[in-house]
Protein backbone atom coordinates (compact mmCIF):
# COMPACT_ATOMS: atom_id res chain seq x y z
CA MET A 1 -11.65 -63.79 -45.11
CA ASN A 2 -12.87 -60.31 -44.35
CA ALA A 3 -12.15 -59.71 -40.65
CA GLU A 4 -15.35 -57.68 -40.22
CA ASP A 5 -17.98 -59.91 -41.75
CA GLY A 6 -16.23 -63.29 -42.00
CA LYS A 7 -16.70 -63.46 -45.78
CA LYS A 8 -14.03 -64.32 -48.29
CA PRO A 9 -12.88 -61.30 -50.32
CA ALA A 10 -14.32 -61.10 -53.82
CA ARG A 11 -12.09 -62.60 -56.48
CA LYS A 12 -10.57 -60.11 -58.87
CA ASP A 13 -12.11 -59.93 -62.32
CA PRO A 14 -9.49 -61.57 -64.60
CA TRP A 15 -10.21 -58.95 -67.27
CA ASP A 16 -9.58 -56.04 -64.90
CA LEU A 17 -6.15 -55.15 -66.26
CA PRO A 18 -3.80 -52.29 -65.33
CA ASP A 19 -3.29 -49.10 -67.30
CA ILE A 20 0.08 -49.53 -69.00
CA GLY A 21 -0.09 -46.61 -71.42
CA GLU A 22 2.87 -44.79 -69.85
CA LEU A 23 5.24 -47.76 -69.84
CA VAL A 24 8.20 -47.77 -72.21
CA VAL A 25 8.47 -51.06 -74.09
CA GLY A 26 11.83 -52.27 -75.35
CA VAL A 27 12.07 -54.89 -78.08
CA LEU A 28 15.35 -56.83 -78.20
CA GLY A 29 15.67 -58.18 -81.71
CA GLY A 30 13.51 -55.34 -82.92
CA THR A 31 15.13 -55.32 -86.35
CA GLY A 32 13.98 -58.90 -87.04
CA ASP A 33 10.57 -59.67 -88.51
CA GLN A 34 8.69 -60.57 -85.32
CA GLY A 35 10.29 -57.88 -83.17
CA ARG A 36 9.84 -55.26 -85.84
CA GLY A 37 6.17 -56.21 -86.21
CA LEU A 38 5.51 -56.01 -82.49
CA ALA A 39 7.28 -52.66 -82.25
CA TYR A 40 5.19 -51.32 -85.13
CA ARG A 41 1.87 -52.50 -83.66
CA LEU A 42 2.57 -51.24 -80.14
CA ALA A 43 3.74 -47.85 -81.38
CA ARG A 44 0.71 -47.62 -83.64
CA ALA A 45 -1.43 -48.24 -80.54
CA GLY A 46 0.26 -45.31 -78.77
CA GLN A 47 2.91 -47.13 -76.74
CA LYS A 48 6.41 -45.65 -76.54
CA VAL A 49 8.79 -48.23 -78.02
CA VAL A 50 12.57 -48.60 -78.10
CA ILE A 51 14.01 -51.07 -80.63
CA GLY A 52 17.18 -52.83 -79.52
CA SER A 53 19.90 -54.31 -81.72
CA ARG A 54 23.57 -55.20 -81.44
CA SER A 55 24.11 -52.20 -83.74
CA ALA A 56 22.72 -48.86 -82.59
CA GLU A 57 22.83 -47.59 -86.17
CA ARG A 58 20.79 -50.53 -87.43
CA ALA A 59 18.25 -50.06 -84.65
CA GLN A 60 17.93 -46.35 -85.35
CA ALA A 61 17.45 -46.96 -89.07
CA ALA A 62 14.67 -49.50 -88.38
CA ALA A 63 13.03 -47.11 -85.90
CA GLN A 64 13.03 -44.32 -88.45
CA GLU A 65 11.32 -46.59 -90.97
CA LEU A 66 8.63 -47.55 -88.44
CA GLY A 67 7.80 -43.93 -87.68
CA ALA A 68 6.50 -41.96 -84.73
CA GLY A 69 6.70 -43.50 -81.27
CA VAL A 70 9.68 -45.73 -82.04
CA GLU A 71 13.31 -45.08 -81.15
CA GLY A 72 16.37 -47.23 -81.77
CA ALA A 73 19.31 -48.07 -79.50
CA GLU A 74 21.98 -50.65 -78.84
CA ASN A 75 20.64 -53.60 -76.84
CA GLU A 76 21.98 -52.56 -73.45
CA GLU A 77 20.67 -49.01 -73.75
CA CYS A 78 17.31 -50.35 -74.93
CA ALA A 79 17.10 -52.56 -71.84
CA ARG A 80 18.03 -49.75 -69.46
CA ARG A 81 15.56 -47.28 -70.94
CA SER A 82 12.59 -49.64 -70.93
CA ASP A 83 10.08 -50.68 -68.25
CA VAL A 84 9.02 -53.83 -70.11
CA VAL A 85 11.43 -55.66 -72.42
CA ILE A 86 10.23 -58.08 -75.11
CA VAL A 87 12.84 -60.66 -76.15
CA ALA A 88 12.41 -61.43 -79.84
CA VAL A 89 15.92 -62.52 -80.78
CA PRO A 90 16.70 -65.68 -82.80
CA TRP A 91 16.83 -68.81 -80.65
CA GLU A 92 20.46 -69.41 -81.64
CA GLY A 93 21.51 -66.17 -79.93
CA HIS A 94 18.99 -66.21 -77.07
CA GLY A 95 21.22 -67.37 -74.22
CA LYS A 96 24.26 -65.32 -75.17
CA THR A 97 22.22 -62.15 -75.64
CA LEU A 98 20.47 -62.39 -72.28
CA GLU A 99 23.60 -63.39 -70.41
CA GLY A 100 25.25 -60.20 -71.61
CA LEU A 101 22.28 -58.08 -70.51
CA ARG A 102 21.81 -59.52 -67.01
CA GLU A 103 22.69 -56.29 -65.24
CA ALA A 104 20.76 -54.01 -67.61
CA LEU A 105 17.64 -56.18 -67.27
CA ALA A 106 17.74 -56.41 -63.47
CA GLY A 107 14.41 -55.34 -62.01
CA LYS A 108 12.73 -55.27 -65.43
CA LEU A 109 9.66 -57.13 -66.57
CA VAL A 110 10.94 -59.39 -69.37
CA VAL A 111 8.56 -60.94 -71.91
CA ASP A 112 10.16 -63.84 -73.77
CA CYS A 113 8.55 -64.72 -77.10
CA VAL A 114 11.32 -66.89 -78.53
CA ASN A 115 10.42 -70.27 -80.03
CA PRO A 116 13.17 -72.93 -79.97
CA LEU A 117 12.66 -74.68 -83.31
CA GLY A 118 14.64 -76.83 -85.67
CA PHE A 119 14.01 -77.30 -89.39
CA ASP A 120 14.65 -80.18 -91.75
CA LYS A 121 13.15 -81.59 -94.96
CA GLN A 122 10.00 -82.56 -93.07
CA GLY A 123 9.45 -79.04 -91.78
CA ALA A 124 9.61 -77.35 -88.39
CA TYR A 125 9.94 -79.26 -85.13
CA ALA A 126 10.23 -78.23 -81.49
CA LEU A 127 13.52 -78.25 -79.61
CA THR A 128 13.70 -78.77 -75.84
CA PRO A 129 16.24 -76.51 -74.11
CA GLU A 130 18.08 -77.90 -71.12
CA GLU A 131 16.09 -75.58 -68.83
CA GLY A 132 12.79 -76.77 -70.34
CA SER A 133 11.92 -73.79 -72.51
CA ALA A 134 13.31 -70.52 -73.82
CA ALA A 135 11.40 -68.67 -71.11
CA GLN A 136 12.85 -70.86 -68.37
CA GLN A 137 16.31 -70.34 -69.83
CA ALA A 138 15.67 -66.59 -69.62
CA ALA A 139 14.58 -66.91 -65.99
CA ALA A 140 17.73 -68.87 -65.15
CA LEU A 141 19.97 -66.31 -66.84
CA LEU A 142 18.13 -63.30 -65.40
CA PRO A 143 17.64 -64.06 -61.69
CA GLU A 144 16.95 -60.41 -60.85
CA SER A 145 14.36 -59.92 -63.62
CA ARG A 146 10.66 -60.83 -63.66
CA VAL A 147 10.34 -63.19 -66.59
CA THR A 148 7.10 -63.97 -68.40
CA ALA A 149 6.33 -65.61 -71.75
CA ALA A 150 3.96 -64.35 -74.46
CA PHE A 151 3.52 -63.30 -78.12
CA HIS A 152 4.67 -66.68 -79.53
CA HIS A 153 1.93 -67.35 -82.07
CA LEU A 154 1.81 -64.11 -84.05
CA SER A 155 2.29 -63.78 -87.80
CA ALA A 156 5.15 -61.42 -88.55
CA VAL A 157 3.59 -60.82 -91.97
CA LEU A 158 0.32 -59.56 -90.46
CA LEU A 159 2.08 -57.57 -87.75
CA GLN A 160 4.09 -55.63 -90.32
CA ASP A 161 1.29 -55.06 -92.84
CA PRO A 162 -0.06 -51.49 -92.42
CA ALA A 163 -3.20 -52.45 -94.36
CA VAL A 164 -4.19 -54.90 -91.61
CA GLU A 165 -6.22 -52.95 -89.05
CA GLU A 166 -6.76 -55.75 -86.52
CA ILE A 167 -4.76 -58.84 -85.55
CA ASP A 168 -7.40 -61.50 -84.93
CA THR A 169 -5.72 -63.67 -82.29
CA ASP A 170 -5.28 -64.45 -78.62
CA VAL A 171 -1.93 -64.23 -76.87
CA MET A 172 -1.19 -66.92 -74.29
CA VAL A 173 0.59 -65.30 -71.33
CA LEU A 174 2.60 -67.31 -68.80
CA GLY A 175 4.37 -66.29 -65.62
CA ASP A 176 4.71 -66.86 -61.90
CA SER A 177 3.46 -63.43 -60.80
CA ARG A 178 -0.15 -62.59 -61.58
CA ALA A 179 0.63 -58.86 -61.39
CA ASP A 180 3.24 -59.31 -64.11
CA THR A 181 1.05 -61.43 -66.37
CA ASP A 182 -1.71 -58.82 -65.98
CA VAL A 183 0.68 -56.19 -67.36
CA VAL A 184 1.54 -58.41 -70.33
CA GLN A 185 -2.13 -59.15 -70.98
CA ALA A 186 -2.82 -55.42 -70.93
CA LEU A 187 0.03 -54.87 -73.37
CA ALA A 188 -1.43 -57.43 -75.78
CA ALA A 189 -4.84 -55.78 -75.49
CA ARG A 190 -3.36 -52.50 -76.75
CA ILE A 191 -3.24 -54.04 -80.23
CA PRO A 192 -6.68 -54.02 -81.90
CA GLY A 193 -8.16 -57.50 -82.31
CA MET A 194 -5.70 -59.04 -79.87
CA ARG A 195 -6.42 -60.41 -76.40
CA GLY A 196 -4.02 -61.61 -73.73
CA VAL A 197 -5.12 -64.79 -71.93
CA TYR A 198 -3.45 -66.09 -68.78
CA ALA A 199 -2.21 -69.61 -69.58
CA GLY A 200 -0.33 -70.80 -66.49
CA ARG A 201 3.02 -70.62 -64.80
CA LEU A 202 6.35 -70.31 -66.55
CA ARG A 203 7.04 -74.05 -66.20
CA ASN A 204 4.32 -74.59 -68.84
CA ALA A 205 6.01 -72.42 -71.47
CA HIS A 206 7.53 -75.32 -73.41
CA GLN A 207 4.29 -76.55 -74.95
CA VAL A 208 3.26 -73.00 -75.85
CA GLU A 209 6.58 -72.37 -77.59
CA SER A 210 6.43 -75.78 -79.31
CA LEU A 211 2.97 -75.16 -80.75
CA VAL A 212 4.52 -72.75 -83.23
CA ALA A 213 5.85 -75.76 -85.16
CA ASN A 214 2.23 -76.89 -85.64
CA LEU A 215 1.14 -73.43 -86.74
CA ILE A 216 3.92 -73.34 -89.33
CA SER A 217 2.54 -76.60 -90.74
CA VAL A 218 -0.98 -75.14 -90.80
CA ASN A 219 0.20 -72.00 -92.58
CA ARG A 220 2.15 -73.92 -95.20
CA ARG A 221 -0.72 -76.29 -95.95
CA TYR A 222 -3.44 -73.64 -96.14
CA LYS A 223 -1.30 -70.69 -97.31
CA ALA A 224 -2.47 -68.72 -94.30
CA HIS A 225 -1.18 -66.62 -91.40
CA ALA A 226 -2.99 -68.55 -88.66
CA GLY A 227 -3.13 -67.54 -85.03
CA LEU A 228 -5.00 -68.96 -82.03
CA ARG A 229 -8.28 -68.26 -80.26
CA VAL A 230 -9.12 -69.65 -76.80
CA THR A 231 -12.86 -70.44 -76.62
CA ASP A 232 -15.34 -69.97 -73.78
CA VAL A 233 -13.33 -67.34 -71.85
């Protein structure tokens, strides 16, 4: 309550998001399809982006192809140079990659967008990591980082297509610090057509990651690049 008038303080407008234009965004796995697409869209929106890869040369080559606003570096250098680090590595290398970057990612805002999936003759299906989700695995491996989860449901095809002006989708953002999820929502909003929506604490990341298996089924059936929209917010 306000000590002077006894009234409760006004609740913050959930769409009042911070200015993140000066933040440097690193993308681990930035030479893969999803990471490359995110790097391209954020740089196109005016964000400074550093692509990370196990090979500095590969990262630099990818950055040169993407154009202005993108630089390439080995993973550890990418992590150290960035304020916000998006993790877009393959699930198979997720744990090992983050474990090796624990020190470089200390104090950083980490955005995990990895989807633990398996594939068989019936299609994609969700895997359940021991920690509960890829994001929770990241939080366990990076105790000195601020881990969030977002950017799971984006089409890499649309992200990388320069003819597509807007990405018509919402981004579900999860995390245990509202200040951190606000930053990630603001980052999503930098991309035309995209909106970041707060979707709960990190413990709820599993079902968000798993939903990608359903979207893959939708896309295969309808030959589409489907995303998600949250209604009535």
